[in-house]
Amino acid sequence: MWSDVQETAPSAAWAELPENGWGALMGWAAGEENLRRRRTSDAGRTVTGYIERAGEREPFVEPFSSADRDIIDDEIDAFLRDADLPPRPRGYVWMIRIPDGHASPGAFLADVDAVINRTANGTVDPKQLRPIFAQVFRDIYATGN
């Protein structure tokens, strides 16, 4: 399914998915007709954090590296594998269609998260989450909200 997803430019009709396994599972559950992708680059991205030494925090900012990208993509692939799904092609931002009636992409994703979390009732195993995500997205796109 992943390779068949159409490419598109960013628009208000599409919500960018989180860059993690949860977001990837959302994309799979939304289905090819409700999923889009666009090529992306990590150029200009940074990593921020801190190092603690002798009780003192030293903040740092460094360029986002290819190793950072590999860690993120490997974790997403592992989550999908645990859900018995194939990995996504790398090098893309993934977006799902926002049904009418949502104030913003962030509000739509927050609404989806709330429904999934309520329905999952504490379940964290990707294989058990897969049918929950699928049902939630079937309901969302069937009713349009």
N, C-alpha and C. Protein backbone atom coordinates (compact mmCIF):
# COMPACT_ATOMS: atom_id res chain seq x y z
N MET A 1 0.82 -1.19 0.00
CA MET A 1 0.00 0.00 0.00
C MET A 1 0.87 1.26 0.00
N TRP A 2 1.92 1.27 0.80
CA TRP A 2 2.72 2.49 0.97
C TRP A 2 3.21 3.06 -0.36
N SER A 3 3.71 2.19 -1.24
CA SER A 3 4.29 2.66 -2.50
C SER A 3 3.25 3.25 -3.44
N ASP A 4 1.99 2.89 -3.25
CA ASP A 4 0.92 3.37 -4.12
C ASP A 4 0.34 4.72 -3.69
N VAL A 5 0.77 5.22 -2.54
CA VAL A 5 0.22 6.48 -2.03
C VAL A 5 0.68 7.64 -2.91
N GLN A 6 -0.26 8.48 -3.30
CA GLN A 6 0.03 9.63 -4.15
C GLN A 6 0.86 10.68 -3.41
N GLU A 7 1.67 11.39 -4.18
CA GLU A 7 2.41 12.51 -3.62
C GLU A 7 1.59 13.78 -3.80
N THR A 8 1.73 14.71 -2.85
CA THR A 8 1.00 15.97 -2.92
C THR A 8 1.79 17.05 -2.19
N ALA A 9 1.46 18.28 -2.48
CA ALA A 9 2.06 19.41 -1.76
C ALA A 9 1.29 19.61 -0.45
N PRO A 10 1.91 20.28 0.52
CA PRO A 10 1.19 20.55 1.77
C PRO A 10 -0.06 21.39 1.49
N SER A 11 -1.13 21.11 2.24
CA SER A 11 -2.34 21.92 2.12
C SER A 11 -3.13 21.80 3.41
N ALA A 12 -4.07 22.72 3.60
CA ALA A 12 -4.89 22.74 4.81
C ALA A 12 -5.81 21.53 4.88
N ALA A 13 -5.98 20.80 3.78
CA ALA A 13 -6.87 19.64 3.76
C ALA A 13 -6.19 18.37 4.28
N TRP A 14 -4.88 18.47 4.54
CA TRP A 14 -4.10 17.30 4.95
C TRP A 14 -3.33 17.59 6.24
N ALA A 15 -3.40 16.66 7.20
CA ALA A 15 -2.69 16.80 8.47
C ALA A 15 -1.41 15.97 8.42
N GLU A 16 -0.28 16.62 8.72
CA GLU A 16 0.99 15.91 8.76
C GLU A 16 1.01 14.98 9.97
N LEU A 17 1.34 13.73 9.73
CA LEU A 17 1.35 12.74 10.80
C LEU A 17 2.60 12.84 11.66
N PRO A 18 2.49 12.48 12.93
CA PRO A 18 3.68 12.47 13.79
C PRO A 18 4.72 11.51 13.23
N GLU A 19 5.97 11.84 13.47
CA GLU A 19 7.09 11.07 12.95
C GLU A 19 7.44 9.94 13.93
N ASN A 20 6.49 9.02 14.10
CA ASN A 20 6.69 7.89 15.01
C ASN A 20 5.79 6.74 14.58
N GLY A 21 5.88 5.62 15.29
CA GLY A 21 5.09 4.45 14.94
C GLY A 21 3.60 4.69 15.00
N TRP A 22 3.16 5.46 15.99
CA TRP A 22 1.74 5.79 16.14
C TRP A 22 1.25 6.51 14.89
N GLY A 23 2.02 7.50 14.44
CA GLY A 23 1.65 8.24 13.23
C GLY A 23 1.63 7.34 12.00
N ALA A 24 2.60 6.42 11.91
CA ALA A 24 2.63 5.50 10.77
C ALA A 24 1.41 4.58 10.78
N LEU A 25 1.03 4.10 11.97
CA LEU A 25 -0.15 3.24 12.07
C LEU A 25 -1.42 4.01 11.72
N MET A 26 -1.45 5.29 12.08
CA MET A 26 -2.59 6.14 11.69
C MET A 26 -2.68 6.22 10.16
N GLY A 27 -1.55 6.41 9.52
CA GLY A 27 -1.54 6.49 8.06
C GLY A 27 -2.03 5.22 7.41
N TRP A 28 -1.54 4.08 7.91
CA TRP A 28 -1.99 2.79 7.37
C TRP A 28 -3.50 2.65 7.56
N ALA A 29 -3.99 2.96 8.76
CA ALA A 29 -5.41 2.79 9.07
C ALA A 29 -6.30 3.74 8.26
N ALA A 30 -5.79 4.93 7.95
CA ALA A 30 -6.57 5.88 7.16
C ALA A 30 -6.81 5.34 5.75
N GLY A 31 -5.87 4.56 5.25
CA GLY A 31 -6.01 3.96 3.93
C GLY A 31 -5.46 4.83 2.82
N GLU A 32 -5.12 4.17 1.74
CA GLU A 32 -4.47 4.84 0.61
C GLU A 32 -5.25 6.05 0.10
N GLU A 33 -6.58 5.97 0.08
CA GLU A 33 -7.38 7.08 -0.45
C GLU A 33 -7.38 8.30 0.47
N ASN A 34 -7.01 8.11 1.73
CA ASN A 34 -6.98 9.21 2.71
C ASN A 34 -5.57 9.55 3.16
N LEU A 35 -4.59 9.04 2.45
CA LEU A 35 -3.18 9.21 2.81
C LEU A 35 -2.43 9.82 1.64
N ARG A 36 -1.55 10.76 1.93
CA ARG A 36 -0.68 11.35 0.92
C ARG A 36 0.72 11.45 1.49
N ARG A 37 1.68 11.69 0.61
CA ARG A 37 3.07 11.84 1.03
C ARG A 37 3.74 12.90 0.18
N ARG A 38 4.83 13.42 0.72
CA ARG A 38 5.66 14.34 -0.06
C ARG A 38 7.10 14.13 0.37
N ARG A 39 7.98 14.30 -0.58
CA ARG A 39 9.42 14.15 -0.30
C ARG A 39 9.83 15.19 0.72
N THR A 40 10.79 14.82 1.54
CA THR A 40 11.26 15.74 2.57
C THR A 40 12.77 15.66 2.70
N SER A 41 13.31 16.63 3.38
CA SER A 41 14.74 16.70 3.66
C SER A 41 14.92 17.13 5.11
N ASP A 42 15.96 16.65 5.72
CA ASP A 42 16.26 17.04 7.10
C ASP A 42 17.24 18.22 7.16
N ALA A 43 17.56 18.80 6.00
CA ALA A 43 18.48 19.94 5.96
C ALA A 43 17.94 21.06 6.84
N GLY A 44 18.78 21.59 7.68
CA GLY A 44 18.40 22.70 8.54
C GLY A 44 17.77 22.29 9.86
N ARG A 45 17.45 21.01 10.01
CA ARG A 45 16.87 20.55 11.29
C ARG A 45 17.96 20.49 12.35
N THR A 46 17.53 20.65 13.58
CA THR A 46 18.48 20.56 14.70
C THR A 46 17.92 19.65 15.78
N VAL A 47 18.81 19.20 16.64
CA VAL A 47 18.46 18.43 17.82
C VAL A 47 18.84 19.28 19.02
N THR A 48 17.93 19.43 19.96
CA THR A 48 18.23 20.17 21.18
C THR A 48 18.11 19.24 22.37
N GLY A 49 18.85 19.52 23.38
CA GLY A 49 18.80 18.71 24.60
C GLY A 49 19.73 19.29 25.63
N TYR A 50 20.07 18.45 26.57
CA TYR A 50 21.03 18.88 27.59
C TYR A 50 21.84 17.68 28.06
N ILE A 51 23.01 17.99 28.57
CA ILE A 51 23.88 17.00 29.19
C ILE A 51 24.00 17.39 30.65
N GLU A 52 23.81 16.43 31.52
CA GLU A 52 23.91 16.71 32.95
C GLU A 52 25.27 16.24 33.46
N ARG A 53 26.00 17.18 34.05
CA ARG A 53 27.33 16.88 34.62
C ARG A 53 27.40 17.48 36.00
N ALA A 54 27.67 16.64 36.96
CA ALA A 54 27.80 17.08 38.36
C ALA A 54 26.59 17.90 38.80
N GLY A 55 25.41 17.45 38.39
CA GLY A 55 24.19 18.13 38.80
C GLY A 55 23.86 19.38 38.02
N GLU A 56 24.69 19.75 37.08
CA GLU A 56 24.46 20.94 36.25
C GLU A 56 24.02 20.52 34.85
N ARG A 57 23.01 21.20 34.35
CA ARG A 57 22.54 20.92 33.00
C ARG A 57 23.21 21.86 32.01
N GLU A 58 23.80 21.27 30.98
CA GLU A 58 24.41 22.05 29.92
C GLU A 58 23.60 21.83 28.64
N PRO A 59 22.86 22.86 28.19
CA PRO A 59 22.06 22.69 26.98
C PRO A 59 22.95 22.59 25.74
N PHE A 60 22.43 21.92 24.72
CA PHE A 60 23.15 21.86 23.45
C PHE A 60 22.16 21.90 22.30
N VAL A 61 22.66 22.35 21.16
CA VAL A 61 21.94 22.31 19.90
C VAL A 61 22.93 21.80 18.87
N GLU A 62 22.51 20.79 18.11
CA GLU A 62 23.41 20.25 17.09
C GLU A 62 22.61 19.90 15.84
N PRO A 63 23.28 19.80 14.71
CA PRO A 63 22.56 19.46 13.48
C PRO A 63 21.92 18.07 13.58
N PHE A 64 20.76 17.94 12.98
CA PHE A 64 20.08 16.65 12.87
C PHE A 64 20.88 15.83 11.86
N SER A 65 21.35 14.66 12.26
CA SER A 65 22.26 13.88 11.42
C SER A 65 21.54 12.73 10.71
N SER A 66 22.26 12.11 9.79
CA SER A 66 21.70 10.94 9.12
C SER A 66 21.50 9.80 10.12
N ALA A 67 22.34 9.75 11.16
CA ALA A 67 22.15 8.74 12.22
C ALA A 67 20.85 9.01 12.98
N ASP A 68 20.54 10.28 13.23
CA ASP A 68 19.26 10.63 13.87
C ASP A 68 18.09 10.16 13.01
N ARG A 69 18.18 10.41 11.70
CA ARG A 69 17.12 9.99 10.77
C ARG A 69 16.95 8.47 10.80
N ASP A 70 18.09 7.75 10.78
CA ASP A 70 18.02 6.28 10.80
C ASP A 70 17.36 5.76 12.07
N ILE A 71 17.66 6.38 13.21
CA ILE A 71 17.05 5.96 14.48
C ILE A 71 15.53 6.11 14.40
N ILE A 72 15.07 7.26 13.93
CA ILE A 72 13.62 7.50 13.82
C ILE A 72 12.98 6.51 12.87
N ASP A 73 13.55 6.36 11.68
CA ASP A 73 12.96 5.45 10.69
C ASP A 73 13.00 4.00 11.15
N ASP A 74 14.10 3.59 11.80
CA ASP A 74 14.19 2.22 12.31
C ASP A 74 13.13 1.95 13.38
N GLU A 75 12.87 2.92 14.25
CA GLU A 75 11.85 2.76 15.28
C GLU A 75 10.45 2.67 14.67
N ILE A 76 10.20 3.48 13.65
CA ILE A 76 8.90 3.42 12.96
C ILE A 76 8.73 2.06 12.29
N ASP A 77 9.78 1.59 11.61
CA ASP A 77 9.72 0.27 10.96
C ASP A 77 9.47 -0.83 11.98
N ALA A 78 10.11 -0.75 13.15
CA ALA A 78 9.93 -1.77 14.19
C ALA A 78 8.49 -1.77 14.70
N PHE A 79 7.92 -0.59 14.89
CA PHE A 79 6.53 -0.49 15.35
C PHE A 79 5.59 -1.12 14.32
N LEU A 80 5.80 -0.79 13.04
CA LEU A 80 4.97 -1.36 11.99
C LEU A 80 5.15 -2.88 11.91
N ARG A 81 6.38 -3.35 12.04
CA ARG A 81 6.65 -4.79 12.03
C ARG A 81 5.90 -5.48 13.17
N ASP A 82 5.91 -4.85 14.36
CA ASP A 82 5.19 -5.41 15.51
C ASP A 82 3.68 -5.45 15.27
N ALA A 83 3.20 -4.61 14.37
CA ALA A 83 1.77 -4.60 14.01
C ALA A 83 1.50 -5.49 12.79
N ASP A 84 2.53 -6.25 12.36
CA ASP A 84 2.44 -7.10 11.17
C ASP A 84 2.17 -6.30 9.90
N LEU A 85 2.81 -5.14 9.80
CA LEU A 85 2.68 -4.30 8.61
C LEU A 85 4.06 -4.08 8.01
N PRO A 86 4.13 -3.86 6.69
CA PRO A 86 5.42 -3.60 6.06
C PRO A 86 5.92 -2.19 6.37
N PRO A 87 7.24 -1.98 6.26
CA PRO A 87 7.78 -0.63 6.49
C PRO A 87 7.34 0.33 5.38
N ARG A 88 7.33 1.62 5.73
CA ARG A 88 7.02 2.65 4.74
C ARG A 88 8.29 2.99 3.97
N PRO A 89 8.15 3.47 2.74
CA PRO A 89 9.32 4.03 2.06
C PRO A 89 9.85 5.22 2.87
N ARG A 90 11.15 5.36 2.90
CA ARG A 90 11.77 6.45 3.67
C ARG A 90 11.91 7.70 2.81
N GLY A 91 12.07 8.83 3.49
CA GLY A 91 12.30 10.08 2.79
C GLY A 91 11.04 10.89 2.51
N TYR A 92 9.95 10.56 3.21
CA TYR A 92 8.69 11.25 3.00
C TYR A 92 8.11 11.79 4.30
N VAL A 93 7.32 12.84 4.15
CA VAL A 93 6.39 13.28 5.19
C VAL A 93 5.06 12.66 4.79
N TRP A 94 4.33 12.12 5.77
CA TRP A 94 3.05 11.45 5.51
C TRP A 94 1.92 12.29 6.07
N MET A 95 0.82 12.38 5.32
CA MET A 95 -0.31 13.22 5.71
C MET A 95 -1.62 12.46 5.52
N ILE A 96 -2.59 12.72 6.41
CA ILE A 96 -3.92 12.14 6.24
C ILE A 96 -4.94 13.25 5.98
N ARG A 97 -5.99 12.86 5.26
CA ARG A 97 -7.05 13.81 4.90
C ARG A 97 -7.85 14.19 6.14
N ILE A 98 -8.12 15.49 6.25
CA ILE A 98 -8.92 16.01 7.36
C ILE A 98 -10.37 16.11 6.88
N PRO A 99 -11.29 15.37 7.51
CA PRO A 99 -12.70 15.51 7.13
C PRO A 99 -13.20 16.92 7.46
N ASP A 100 -14.25 17.34 6.79
CA ASP A 100 -14.85 18.65 7.07
C ASP A 100 -15.26 18.74 8.53
N GLY A 101 -15.23 19.96 9.06
CA GLY A 101 -15.73 20.18 10.42
C GLY A 101 -14.67 20.24 11.49
N HIS A 102 -13.40 20.14 11.12
CA HIS A 102 -12.33 20.23 12.12
C HIS A 102 -11.66 21.59 12.01
N ALA A 103 -11.40 22.20 13.14
CA ALA A 103 -10.87 23.56 13.19
C ALA A 103 -9.47 23.66 12.60
N SER A 104 -8.67 22.60 12.75
CA SER A 104 -7.28 22.65 12.30
C SER A 104 -6.74 21.22 12.21
N PRO A 105 -5.59 21.05 11.54
CA PRO A 105 -4.98 19.73 11.53
C PRO A 105 -4.67 19.23 12.95
N GLY A 106 -4.17 20.13 13.79
CA GLY A 106 -3.87 19.74 15.17
C GLY A 106 -5.09 19.29 15.94
N ALA A 107 -6.21 19.99 15.74
CA ALA A 107 -7.46 19.62 16.41
C ALA A 107 -7.94 18.26 15.92
N PHE A 108 -7.83 18.01 14.61
CA PHE A 108 -8.24 16.72 14.07
C PHE A 108 -7.40 15.59 14.67
N LEU A 109 -6.07 15.76 14.66
CA LEU A 109 -5.20 14.71 15.20
C LEU A 109 -5.45 14.49 16.69
N ALA A 110 -5.71 15.57 17.43
CA ALA A 110 -6.02 15.44 18.87
C ALA A 110 -7.33 14.67 19.06
N ASP A 111 -8.32 14.95 18.23
CA ASP A 111 -9.59 14.23 18.30
C ASP A 111 -9.39 12.74 18.02
N VAL A 112 -8.61 12.44 16.99
CA VAL A 112 -8.33 11.04 16.63
C VAL A 112 -7.61 10.35 17.79
N ASP A 113 -6.57 10.99 18.32
CA ASP A 113 -5.83 10.41 19.46
C ASP A 113 -6.76 10.11 20.62
N ALA A 114 -7.67 11.03 20.92
CA ALA A 114 -8.58 10.84 22.05
C ALA A 114 -9.48 9.63 21.84
N VAL A 115 -10.01 9.47 20.63
CA VAL A 115 -10.88 8.33 20.34
C VAL A 115 -10.08 7.03 20.41
N ILE A 116 -8.89 7.01 19.83
CA ILE A 116 -8.06 5.80 19.87
C ILE A 116 -7.71 5.44 21.31
N ASN A 117 -7.27 6.42 22.09
CA ASN A 117 -6.90 6.14 23.48
C ASN A 117 -8.08 5.62 24.29
N ARG A 118 -9.24 6.20 24.09
CA ARG A 118 -10.44 5.71 24.79
C ARG A 118 -10.77 4.28 24.38
N THR A 119 -10.72 4.03 23.09
CA THR A 119 -11.07 2.71 22.57
C THR A 119 -10.02 1.67 22.96
N ALA A 120 -8.75 2.05 22.95
CA ALA A 120 -7.67 1.12 23.26
C ALA A 120 -7.65 0.72 24.73
N ASN A 121 -8.18 1.57 25.60
CA ASN A 121 -8.29 1.24 27.02
C ASN A 121 -6.97 0.73 27.61
N GLY A 122 -5.88 1.43 27.31
CA GLY A 122 -4.58 1.08 27.88
C GLY A 122 -3.74 0.14 27.05
N THR A 123 -4.28 -0.38 25.96
CA THR A 123 -3.52 -1.28 25.09
C THR A 123 -2.37 -0.52 24.45
N VAL A 124 -1.16 -1.11 24.46
CA VAL A 124 -0.01 -0.47 23.84
C VAL A 124 0.66 -1.35 22.78
N ASP A 125 0.27 -2.61 22.69
CA ASP A 125 0.86 -3.53 21.74
C ASP A 125 0.40 -3.17 20.32
N PRO A 126 1.36 -2.90 19.40
CA PRO A 126 0.97 -2.51 18.05
C PRO A 126 0.04 -3.50 17.35
N LYS A 127 0.24 -4.79 17.58
CA LYS A 127 -0.63 -5.79 16.94
C LYS A 127 -2.06 -5.69 17.44
N GLN A 128 -2.23 -5.36 18.72
CA GLN A 128 -3.57 -5.18 19.28
C GLN A 128 -4.16 -3.82 18.91
N LEU A 129 -3.29 -2.83 18.71
CA LEU A 129 -3.76 -1.50 18.31
C LEU A 129 -4.23 -1.45 16.86
N ARG A 130 -3.64 -2.27 16.02
CA ARG A 130 -3.94 -2.23 14.58
C ARG A 130 -5.44 -2.29 14.28
N PRO A 131 -6.20 -3.27 14.79
CA PRO A 131 -7.63 -3.28 14.47
C PRO A 131 -8.39 -2.11 15.10
N ILE A 132 -7.90 -1.60 16.22
CA ILE A 132 -8.53 -0.44 16.85
C ILE A 132 -8.38 0.78 15.96
N PHE A 133 -7.15 1.02 15.50
CA PHE A 133 -6.91 2.14 14.58
C PHE A 133 -7.77 1.99 13.33
N ALA A 134 -7.81 0.76 12.78
CA ALA A 134 -8.58 0.53 11.55
C ALA A 134 -10.06 0.87 11.76
N GLN A 135 -10.63 0.45 12.86
CA GLN A 135 -12.05 0.72 13.12
C GLN A 135 -12.30 2.21 13.34
N VAL A 136 -11.42 2.85 14.09
CA VAL A 136 -11.57 4.29 14.35
C VAL A 136 -11.56 5.06 13.03
N PHE A 137 -10.63 4.74 12.15
CA PHE A 137 -10.56 5.47 10.88
C PHE A 137 -11.70 5.10 9.94
N ARG A 138 -12.16 3.86 9.96
CA ARG A 138 -13.35 3.52 9.16
C ARG A 138 -14.52 4.39 9.60
N ASP A 139 -14.69 4.51 10.92
CA ASP A 139 -15.79 5.32 11.46
C ASP A 139 -15.62 6.80 11.09
N ILE A 140 -14.41 7.31 11.24
CA ILE A 140 -14.14 8.72 10.94
C ILE A 140 -14.49 9.04 9.49
N TYR A 141 -13.97 8.24 8.56
CA TYR A 141 -14.17 8.56 7.16
C TYR A 141 -15.56 8.16 6.66
N ALA A 142 -16.24 7.26 7.35
CA ALA A 142 -17.62 6.91 6.98
C ALA A 142 -18.58 8.03 7.36
N THR A 143 -18.32 8.64 8.53
CA THR A 143 -19.22 9.70 9.01
C THR A 143 -18.74 11.09 8.61
N GLY A 144 -17.47 11.19 8.20
CA GLY A 144 -16.94 12.49 7.81
C GLY A 144 -16.47 13.33 8.97
N ASN A 145 -16.47 12.79 10.19
CA ASN A 145 -15.94 13.55 11.32
C ASN A 145 -15.30 12.59 12.27
